[in-house]
């Protein structure tokens, strides 16, 4: 057993030394080992030793034997060629052709089936099985059979030359050839089995390593998913926790702005409102960027007038302009209804207009709407401009271009990244052109397919839209944070509402409505201890409460809106509360009865 193991090791070491690195591994490794082993055993050991024995037996070396010798030695040339060929397929075809030609020549010169060399025809099909697929092996078998039949036909036709091997030595030559052929087949079988065993062990090892890597990748994937989930939970929690105090800051600032205040106090209240809204913008930017990275942004398209939106947003941004900077509106006449996410597009246009106001010290900001092959909203400013090499950085996260040592600009550097992502979700793009000292133009390009016919709506007059009659309406505010209840109560009082009750938990809300079934509207906080807003709403509906329920939450995603609707809520308000949005929701609820 040790001798066979040693022989196996010797064979493998010889093969490994002859095979170049290009074929040392991969799908062609087995073919390379088989081919070299075949050439060594058949050409180097088998046929050459057989020829030497026959020459010794005959005691002569006729000229035709030179051709045999050349063909046999040519079977060793692939061992040299293997280092220079590009693929094993071409080298295998070369060896296969040489083998058939060599055996055909030997058979031809030794009287075909009447002579001693016919047993050699078993070698080409055996080689074909190793080097090619089964279909190719059948083709080689067919070619070998036809070649053997051709020699037999010429034998019958007496067209074959006299045998090289002396006829009196045919019997001895047959024994030698059959013995060597049998020995070659046994040696090939043993050697190739060793190759197969080593190759299978190597494949098994590679498979085990691959499985190990797959397990490692699976663990890394789980960690990445857990990390992403943790990040999402962290951002959602931080959003809620930050919006809750902001609700009080911004809400009280809005209420104070409606009071009669000294100019100095009013200026400070205005500063509080601006700072609060800036902080809210930063929070929204971080959340939106996280959702864009995870492809979790959901659009809510609806028909609306793009012209009215652009005019209103431009009017809102005018107070942010530097003294002397003018606003020009072009192409904003009439109406242009599109089916798109109004809030998301407003976010994009507000960001671009804010940037224009931020970087324009003098001159004008122009908003230009055109609609030919597509919808184009160009926001042009006469500001500082952007270097050409910096334009490519505009849409990189946390990036702000320009000379930071000469100016102090607030922001996360996410606004343009988010705007680009939102516009691309709608099938559009953002183009930028700029020149230092002359200004920049940001163009939002939207597909023309978004345009829809003017929708037929029962639009209210301006007087009807601003009127709000809450007489006789009983309202319950539910929130576990006292200051949130106080702010919302104060906002409702601004509309003349005095019949407002407060509950500081879901359980308190249920008990209150059990005793006061006449409640018309419930403003329900979503995140409360013990019983959240969703569960409280479901239990109220189960107990037969048919009043209106409005979600008031710092969780302002589309998914939160859907969850509220499925729980049986009738409206949605996000924190921090805005008085105008509260008014619009109340008007809509009262119209629906």
Foldseek 3Di string as FASTA:
>chain_A
DVVLVVVLVVLVVVQCVLADPVLCDDPCVLLSSLLQLLLCLCLVPQPVVLVVVLCVVQVDDDPLVVVLNVLSVVSNCVSVCNVPDPDSVVVLVVNLVSLLVNLLSLCLQALQPVFQRVVSLVPSLVSCVRNHPPVVSVVSNVVSVVSSVVSVVCSVVVNGDYHPRDPVCRVVSNVSNVVSVVVSVVVSVSNSVSVVVVVVVVVVVVVVVVVVVVVVVVVVVVVVVVVLVVVLVVLLVVLFVLLVVLLLQQLVLVVVCPDDDPPVVVVVSVVSNVVSVVVNVQSVLVNLVSCLVVVNADWDWDKDWPLVLLVVLLVVCVVLAAPAEEEAEEPSPDTWIFTTRSVLVSLLSNLVSNVQRVFANHYYWYWYWDQDQWTKTKTWHQGQKADPVCVVVLQPFQDDDDDCVVDDDDDRSRSNVSSQSRLVVQVWGWDKDIDGRGTIMIMTTHGRVRTDPDDDDPDDDPVLLPQDDCPPAAEEEEALDVSSVVSVQSLVVVNVDDRYHYHNALVRVVVVCVVVVRHAEYAAEADDPPAGRLRSLLVCVVVPRPHAYEYEYSSPGPVVVVSCVVSPHDYYAYGSGDSSVVSNVNSVRVVVD
